[in-house]
Amino acid sequence: MDLIQKLKTLIAKTDLTVTDEQISQLVAYVELLNKWNKAYNLTSVRDPADMLVKHIVDSLVNGPYLKGNNFIDVGTGPGLPGIPLAILYPQKNFVLLDSLGKRITFLKQVVYQLKLENVTPVLSRVEKYLPDVPFDGVLSRAFASLDDMIVWCKHLIDQNGRFYALKGLYPSKELAAMPEGIELVNCFEIIVPELDGQRHLVELKKIA
């Protein structure tokens, strides 16, 4: 299967504007992920065509909702959603944080091979990582619950920053159980072409 053509077809079903060069970079990332996955077990998705839907487009479609220029992707795993978003928005900066060395090794290789100047892979547990300045947004596709995300990541943003949690079903129980000092800004229903199941992007902020 021609991955470039497949990705172009998927993106045509969204409102995103993606250049040919960016499409080539995104496909190169999938090819690296597929190659390294055999030894490093980075994702349970084995088929590169499925990766385009479940990893690439599933990450990209959240991009238009992000406010700001400096983001941290916590528990990034193999770089999701951080790498696709960094390719889509070369003018924004992304710190990709993970506590597993082999994932960071992989991400450093991705950054090197794709010449991504706006990505910084960092090996650290999230609670130990102290940014020099607060981020505009904390991205997470991996945290078990909104409560966990807030507790572990609250030191990464200030009142101006946002938490962006990529979720499946609308997380009504988690939203009802949020800690004090946190407010729901918005919850966007996200449409991912050719993906079965719901997707939501939850935007939260701190309140004084």
C-alpha atoms as a PDB file:
ATOM      1  CA  MET A   1       0.000   0.000   0.000  1.00  0.00           C
ATOM      2  CA  ASP A   2       1.162   3.525  -0.814  1.00  0.00           C
ATOM      3  CA  LEU A   3       1.274   5.194   2.592  1.00  0.00           C
ATOM      4  CA  ILE A   4       1.660   8.681   1.135  1.00  0.00           C
ATOM      5  CA  GLN A   5      -1.496   8.327  -0.957  1.00  0.00           C
ATOM      6  CA  LYS A   6      -3.371   6.759   1.965  1.00  0.00           C
ATOM      7  CA  LEU A   7      -2.415   9.658   4.261  1.00  0.00           C
ATOM      8  CA  LYS A   8      -3.391  12.237   1.624  1.00  0.00           C
ATOM      9  CA  THR A   9      -6.800  10.554   1.311  1.00  0.00           C
ATOM     10  CA  LEU A  10      -7.314  10.609   5.080  1.00  0.00           C
ATOM     11  CA  ILE A  11      -6.268  14.250   5.426  1.00  0.00           C
ATOM     12  CA  ALA A  12      -8.590  15.248   2.573  1.00  0.00           C
ATOM     13  CA  LYS A  13     -11.464  14.101   4.825  1.00  0.00           C
ATOM     14  CA  THR A  14     -10.454  16.644   7.502  1.00  0.00           C
ATOM     15  CA  ASP A  15     -10.201  20.451   7.561  1.00  0.00           C
ATOM     16  CA  LEU A  16      -6.414  20.309   7.998  1.00  0.00           C
ATOM     17  CA  THR A  17      -3.927  21.898   5.631  1.00  0.00           C
ATOM     18  CA  VAL A  18      -0.856  19.672   5.332  1.00  0.00           C
ATOM     19  CA  THR A  19       1.936  20.216   2.800  1.00  0.00           C
ATOM     20  CA  ASP A  20       3.475  17.459   0.682  1.00  0.00           C
ATOM     21  CA  GLU A  21       6.696  17.845   2.645  1.00  0.00           C
ATOM     22  CA  GLN A  22       4.821  17.357   5.935  1.00  0.00           C
ATOM     23  CA  ILE A  23       3.041  14.295   4.534  1.00  0.00           C
ATOM     24  CA  SER A  24       6.437  12.839   3.587  1.00  0.00           C
ATOM     25  CA  GLN A  25       7.728  13.505   7.123  1.00  0.00           C
ATOM     26  CA  LEU A  26       4.658  11.913   8.724  1.00  0.00           C
ATOM     27  CA  VAL A  27       5.032   8.802   6.559  1.00  0.00           C
ATOM     28  CA  ALA A  28       8.768   8.657   7.330  1.00  0.00           C
ATOM     29  CA  TYR A  29       7.849   8.732  11.036  1.00  0.00           C
ATOM     30  CA  VAL A  30       5.405   5.838  10.566  1.00  0.00           C
ATOM     31  CA  GLU A  31       8.089   3.873   8.705  1.00  0.00           C
ATOM     32  CA  LEU A  32      10.548   4.450  11.570  1.00  0.00           C
ATOM     33  CA  LEU A  33       7.901   3.496  14.113  1.00  0.00           C
ATOM     34  CA  ASN A  34       7.126   0.308  12.207  1.00  0.00           C
ATOM     35  CA  LYS A  35      10.831  -0.581  11.891  1.00  0.00           C
ATOM     36  CA  TRP A  36      11.704   0.077  15.553  1.00  0.00           C
ATOM     37  CA  ASN A  37       8.485  -1.473  16.818  1.00  0.00           C
ATOM     38  CA  LYS A  38       9.729  -4.964  15.992  1.00  0.00           C
ATOM     39  CA  ALA A  39      12.539  -4.703  18.560  1.00  0.00           C
ATOM     40  CA  TYR A  40      11.271  -2.014  20.947  1.00  0.00           C
ATOM     41  CA  ASN A  41       7.548  -2.835  21.114  1.00  0.00           C
ATOM     42  CA  LEU A  42       6.542   0.851  20.987  1.00  0.00           C
ATOM     43  CA  THR A  43       2.908   0.397  19.950  1.00  0.00           C
ATOM     44  CA  SER A  44       0.349  -2.409  19.779  1.00  0.00           C
ATOM     45  CA  VAL A  45      -0.653  -1.184  16.308  1.00  0.00           C
ATOM     46  CA  ARG A  46       1.360  -3.329  13.902  1.00  0.00           C
ATOM     47  CA  ASP A  47       0.127  -2.275  10.466  1.00  0.00           C
ATOM     48  CA  PRO A  48       1.568   1.004   9.098  1.00  0.00           C
ATOM     49  CA  ALA A  49      -1.741   1.795   7.338  1.00  0.00           C
ATOM     50  CA  ASP A  50      -3.540   1.460  10.687  1.00  0.00           C
ATOM     51  CA  MET A  51      -0.896   3.698  12.287  1.00  0.00           C
ATOM     52  CA  LEU A  52      -1.860   6.444   9.832  1.00  0.00           C
ATOM     53  CA  VAL A  53      -5.431   6.383  11.158  1.00  0.00           C
ATOM     54  CA  LYS A  54      -4.954   5.482  14.817  1.00  0.00           C
ATOM     55  CA  HIS A  55      -1.775   7.460  15.508  1.00  0.00           C
ATOM     56  CA  ILE A  56      -1.140  10.132  12.864  1.00  0.00           C
ATOM     57  CA  VAL A  57      -4.549  11.527  11.961  1.00  0.00           C
ATOM     58  CA  ASP A  58      -5.833  10.821  15.479  1.00  0.00           C
ATOM     59  CA  SER A  59      -3.084  13.176  16.736  1.00  0.00           C
ATOM     60  CA  LEU A  60      -3.280  15.806  13.987  1.00  0.00           C
ATOM     61  CA  VAL A  61      -7.007  16.534  14.241  1.00  0.00           C
ATOM     62  CA  ASN A  62      -6.486  17.927  17.761  1.00  0.00           C
ATOM     63  CA  GLY A  63      -4.070  20.564  16.466  1.00  0.00           C
ATOM     64  CA  PRO A  64      -6.540  23.370  15.628  1.00  0.00           C
ATOM     65  CA  TYR A  65      -7.786  23.429  19.248  1.00  0.00           C
ATOM     66  CA  LEU A  66      -4.387  24.034  20.854  1.00  0.00           C
ATOM     67  CA  LYS A  67      -3.640  27.555  22.079  1.00  0.00           C
ATOM     68  CA  GLY A  68      -0.069  28.797  22.453  1.00  0.00           C
ATOM     69  CA  ASN A  69       3.389  27.925  21.189  1.00  0.00           C
ATOM     70  CA  ASN A  70       5.076  25.810  23.868  1.00  0.00           C
ATOM     71  CA  PHE A  71       3.734  22.373  24.721  1.00  0.00           C
ATOM     72  CA  ILE A  72       4.730  19.307  26.681  1.00  0.00           C
ATOM     73  CA  ASP A  73       3.494  15.849  25.722  1.00  0.00           C
ATOM     74  CA  VAL A  74       3.577  13.804  28.936  1.00  0.00           C
ATOM     75  CA  GLY A  75       3.835  10.031  28.740  1.00  0.00           C
ATOM     76  CA  THR A  76       4.488  10.533  25.043  1.00  0.00           C
ATOM     77  CA  GLY A  77       5.341   6.851  24.404  1.00  0.00           C
ATOM     78  CA  PRO A  78       6.587   6.672  20.808  1.00  0.00           C
ATOM     79  CA  GLY A  79       5.841  10.395  20.357  1.00  0.00           C
ATOM     80  CA  LEU A  80       2.057  10.650  20.266  1.00  0.00           C
ATOM     81  CA  PRO A  81       0.514  13.129  19.780  1.00  0.00           C
ATOM     82  CA  GLY A  82       3.725  15.211  19.979  1.00  0.00           C
ATOM     83  CA  ILE A  83       5.601  14.171  16.827  1.00  0.00           C
ATOM     84  CA  PRO A  84       2.683  14.515  14.365  1.00  0.00           C
ATOM     85  CA  LEU A  85       1.732  17.885  15.904  1.00  0.00           C
ATOM     86  CA  ALA A  86       5.350  19.099  15.783  1.00  0.00           C
ATOM     87  CA  ILE A  87       5.480  18.219  12.076  1.00  0.00           C
ATOM     88  CA  LEU A  88       2.171  20.017  11.458  1.00  0.00           C
ATOM     89  CA  TYR A  89       3.243  23.124  13.423  1.00  0.00           C
ATOM     90  CA  PRO A  90       6.983  23.716  12.878  1.00  0.00           C
ATOM     91  CA  GLN A  91       6.665  27.142  14.546  1.00  0.00           C
ATOM     92  CA  LYS A  92       5.504  25.619  17.863  1.00  0.00           C
ATOM     93  CA  ASN A  93       7.816  23.856  20.335  1.00  0.00           C
ATOM     94  CA  PHE A  94       7.194  20.444  21.863  1.00  0.00           C
ATOM     95  CA  VAL A  95       8.896  18.746  24.806  1.00  0.00           C
ATOM     96  CA  LEU A  96       8.247  14.983  24.643  1.00  0.00           C
ATOM     97  CA  LEU A  97       8.483  13.446  28.095  1.00  0.00           C
ATOM     98  CA  ASP A  98       8.663   9.761  28.915  1.00  0.00           C
ATOM     99  CA  SER A  99      10.152   7.713  31.738  1.00  0.00           C
ATOM    100  CA  LEU A 100      11.204   4.770  29.529  1.00  0.00           C
ATOM    101  CA  GLY A 101      14.680   5.014  28.023  1.00  0.00           C
ATOM    102  CA  LYS A 102      14.006   2.996  24.873  1.00  0.00           C
ATOM    103  CA  ARG A 103      11.175   5.353  23.885  1.00  0.00           C
ATOM    104  CA  ILE A 104      13.408   8.399  24.278  1.00  0.00           C
ATOM    105  CA  THR A 105      16.156   6.646  22.284  1.00  0.00           C
ATOM    106  CA  PHE A 106      13.634   6.099  19.496  1.00  0.00           C
ATOM    107  CA  LEU A 107      12.426   9.712  19.662  1.00  0.00           C
ATOM    108  CA  LYS A 108      15.969  11.075  19.446  1.00  0.00           C
ATOM    109  CA  GLN A 109      16.427   9.022  16.286  1.00  0.00           C
ATOM    110  CA  VAL A 110      13.155  10.414  14.863  1.00  0.00           C
ATOM    111  CA  VAL A 111      14.228  13.982  15.642  1.00  0.00           C
ATOM    112  CA  TYR A 112      17.615  13.375  14.004  1.00  0.00           C
ATOM    113  CA  GLN A 113      16.331  11.635  10.873  1.00  0.00           C
ATOM    114  CA  LEU A 114      13.401  13.992  10.263  1.00  0.00           C
ATOM    115  CA  LYS A 115      15.456  17.083  11.221  1.00  0.00           C
ATOM    116  CA  LEU A 116      12.819  18.283  13.687  1.00  0.00           C
ATOM    117  CA  GLU A 117      14.195  21.437  15.294  1.00  0.00           C
ATOM    118  CA  ASN A 118      11.103  22.064  17.445  1.00  0.00           C
ATOM    119  CA  VAL A 119      11.126  18.772  19.394  1.00  0.00           C
ATOM    120  CA  THR A 120      13.019  18.009  22.622  1.00  0.00           C
ATOM    121  CA  PRO A 121      12.781  14.414  23.909  1.00  0.00           C
ATOM    122  CA  VAL A 122      13.290  14.218  27.685  1.00  0.00           C
ATOM    123  CA  LEU A 123      13.797  11.115  29.820  1.00  0.00           C
ATOM    124  CA  SER A 124      12.098  11.841  33.147  1.00  0.00           C
ATOM    125  CA  ARG A 125       9.183  11.016  35.364  1.00  0.00           C
ATOM    126  CA  VAL A 126       6.661  13.810  35.023  1.00  0.00           C
ATOM    127  CA  GLU A 127       6.648  14.737  38.721  1.00  0.00           C
ATOM    128  CA  LYS A 128      10.443  15.206  38.649  1.00  0.00           C
ATOM    129  CA  TYR A 129      10.494  17.420  35.560  1.00  0.00           C
ATOM    130  CA  LEU A 130      10.658  21.146  36.326  1.00  0.00           C
ATOM    131  CA  PRO A 131      10.300  23.523  33.360  1.00  0.00           C
ATOM    132  CA  ASP A 132      12.159  26.852  33.287  1.00  0.00           C
ATOM    133  CA  VAL A 133       8.934  28.610  32.322  1.00  0.00           C
ATOM    134  CA  PRO A 134       5.362  27.284  32.461  1.00  0.00           C
ATOM    135  CA  PHE A 135       4.050  25.638  29.298  1.00  0.00           C
ATOM    136  CA  ASP A 136       1.126  26.944  27.268  1.00  0.00           C
ATOM    137  CA  GLY A 137      -0.301  23.448  27.210  1.00  0.00           C
ATOM    138  CA  VAL A 138       0.111  19.963  28.648  1.00  0.00           C
ATOM    139  CA  LEU A 139      -0.871  17.258  26.160  1.00  0.00           C
ATOM    140  CA  SER A 140      -1.711  13.733  27.168  1.00  0.00           C
ATOM    141  CA  ARG A 141      -2.992  10.748  25.327  1.00  0.00           C
ATOM    142  CA  ALA A 142      -1.839   8.252  27.906  1.00  0.00           C
ATOM    143  CA  PHE A 143      -2.955   9.188  31.403  1.00  0.00           C
ATOM    144  CA  ALA A 144      -5.502   6.858  32.960  1.00  0.00           C
ATOM    145  CA  SER A 145      -7.691   9.641  34.325  1.00  0.00           C
ATOM    146  CA  LEU A 146      -8.080  13.413  34.257  1.00  0.00           C
ATOM    147  CA  ASP A 147      -7.483  13.444  38.001  1.00  0.00           C
ATOM    148  CA  ASP A 148      -4.097  11.705  37.566  1.00  0.00           C
ATOM    149  CA  MET A 149      -3.144  14.071  34.788  1.00  0.00           C
ATOM    150  CA  ILE A 150      -3.955  17.131  36.917  1.00  0.00           C
ATOM    151  CA  VAL A 151      -2.184  15.816  40.029  1.00  0.00           C
ATOM    152  CA  TRP A 152       0.998  14.772  38.193  1.00  0.00           C
ATOM    153  CA  CYS A 153       1.177  17.729  35.795  1.00  0.00           C
ATOM    154  CA  LYS A 154      -0.146  20.751  37.679  1.00  0.00           C
ATOM    155  CA  HIS A 155       3.357  22.179  38.179  1.00  0.00           C
ATOM    156  CA  LEU A 156       3.857  22.379  34.404  1.00  0.00           C
ATOM    157  CA  ILE A 157       1.397  25.212  33.717  1.00  0.00           C
ATOM    158  CA  ASP A 158       0.170  28.376  35.398  1.00  0.00           C
ATOM    159  CA  GLN A 159      -3.244  30.112  35.246  1.00  0.00           C
ATOM    160  CA  ASN A 160      -2.707  30.916  31.570  1.00  0.00           C
ATOM    161  CA  GLY A 161      -1.868  27.359  30.539  1.00  0.00           C
ATOM    162  CA  ARG A 162      -4.189  24.536  29.581  1.00  0.00           C
ATOM    163  CA  PHE A 163      -4.441  20.796  30.075  1.00  0.00           C
ATOM    164  CA  TYR A 164      -5.392  18.987  26.847  1.00  0.00           C
ATOM    165  CA  ALA A 165      -6.475  15.391  27.414  1.00  0.00           C
ATOM    166  CA  LEU A 166      -7.092  13.199  24.381  1.00  0.00           C
ATOM    167  CA  LYS A 167      -9.930  10.859  25.291  1.00  0.00           C
ATOM    168  CA  GLY A 168     -12.195   8.281  23.728  1.00  0.00           C
ATOM    169  CA  LEU A 169     -15.713   8.423  25.155  1.00  0.00           C
ATOM    170  CA  TYR A 170     -16.928  11.628  26.814  1.00  0.00           C
ATOM    171  CA  PRO A 171     -15.387  11.308  30.325  1.00  0.00           C
ATOM    172  CA  SER A 172     -18.396  12.415  32.376  1.00  0.00           C
ATOM    173  CA  LYS A 173     -17.411  10.523  35.555  1.00  0.00           C
ATOM    174  CA  GLU A 174     -13.845  11.866  35.437  1.00  0.00           C
ATOM    175  CA  LEU A 175     -15.068  15.422  34.892  1.00  0.00           C
ATOM    176  CA  ALA A 176     -17.405  15.085  37.872  1.00  0.00           C
ATOM    177  CA  ALA A 177     -14.480  13.937  40.050  1.00  0.00           C
ATOM    178  CA  MET A 178     -11.974  16.676  39.193  1.00  0.00           C
ATOM    179  CA  PRO A 179     -10.012  18.235  42.060  1.00  0.00           C
ATOM    180  CA  GLU A 180     -10.577  21.762  43.393  1.00  0.00           C
ATOM    181  CA  GLY A 181      -9.086  24.642  41.466  1.00  0.00           C
ATOM    182  CA  ILE A 182      -9.606  23.085  38.028  1.00  0.00           C
ATOM    183  CA  GLU A 183     -12.271  24.088  35.538  1.00  0.00           C
ATOM    184  CA  LEU A 184     -13.536  22.573  32.294  1.00  0.00           C
ATOM    185  CA  VAL A 185     -12.949  25.078  29.491  1.00  0.00           C
ATOM    186  CA  ASN A 186     -14.258  22.980  26.641  1.00  0.00           C
ATOM    187  CA  CYS A 187     -14.778  19.445  25.423  1.00  0.00           C
ATOM    188  CA  PHE A 188     -14.511  19.014  21.680  1.00  0.00           C
ATOM    189  CA  GLU A 189     -15.915  16.028  19.841  1.00  0.00           C
ATOM    190  CA  ILE A 190     -13.165  15.008  17.423  1.00  0.00           C
ATOM    191  CA  ILE A 191     -13.845  13.235  14.147  1.00  0.00           C
ATOM    192  CA  VAL A 192     -11.076  10.923  12.913  1.00  0.00           C
ATOM    193  CA  PRO A 193     -11.683   9.576   9.381  1.00  0.00           C
ATOM    194  CA  GLU A 194     -11.902   5.762   9.191  1.00  0.00           C
ATOM    195  CA  LEU A 195     -11.667   5.374  12.966  1.00  0.00           C
ATOM    196  CA  ASP A 196     -14.387   3.450  14.773  1.00  0.00           C
ATOM    197  CA  GLY A 197     -15.375   4.834  18.153  1.00  0.00           C
ATOM    198  CA  GLN A 198     -15.619   8.251  19.716  1.00  0.00           C
ATOM    199  CA  ARG A 199     -12.854  10.770  20.303  1.00  0.00           C
ATOM    200  CA  HIS A 200     -12.932  13.834  22.557  1.00  0.00           C
ATOM    201  CA  LEU A 201     -10.411  16.532  23.420  1.00  0.00           C
ATOM    202  CA  VAL A 202     -10.888  17.840  26.962  1.00  0.00           C
ATOM    203  CA  GLU A 203      -9.498  21.326  27.680  1.00  0.00           C
ATOM    204  CA  LEU A 204      -9.018  22.217  31.350  1.00  0.00           C
ATOM    205  CA  LYS A 205      -7.497  25.182  33.174  1.00  0.00           C
ATOM    206  CA  LYS A 206      -6.486  26.214  36.675  1.00  0.00           C
ATOM    207  CA  ILE A 207      -8.650  28.739  38.507  1.00  0.00           C
ATOM    208  CA  ALA A 208      -7.299  31.015  41.188  1.00  0.00           C
END
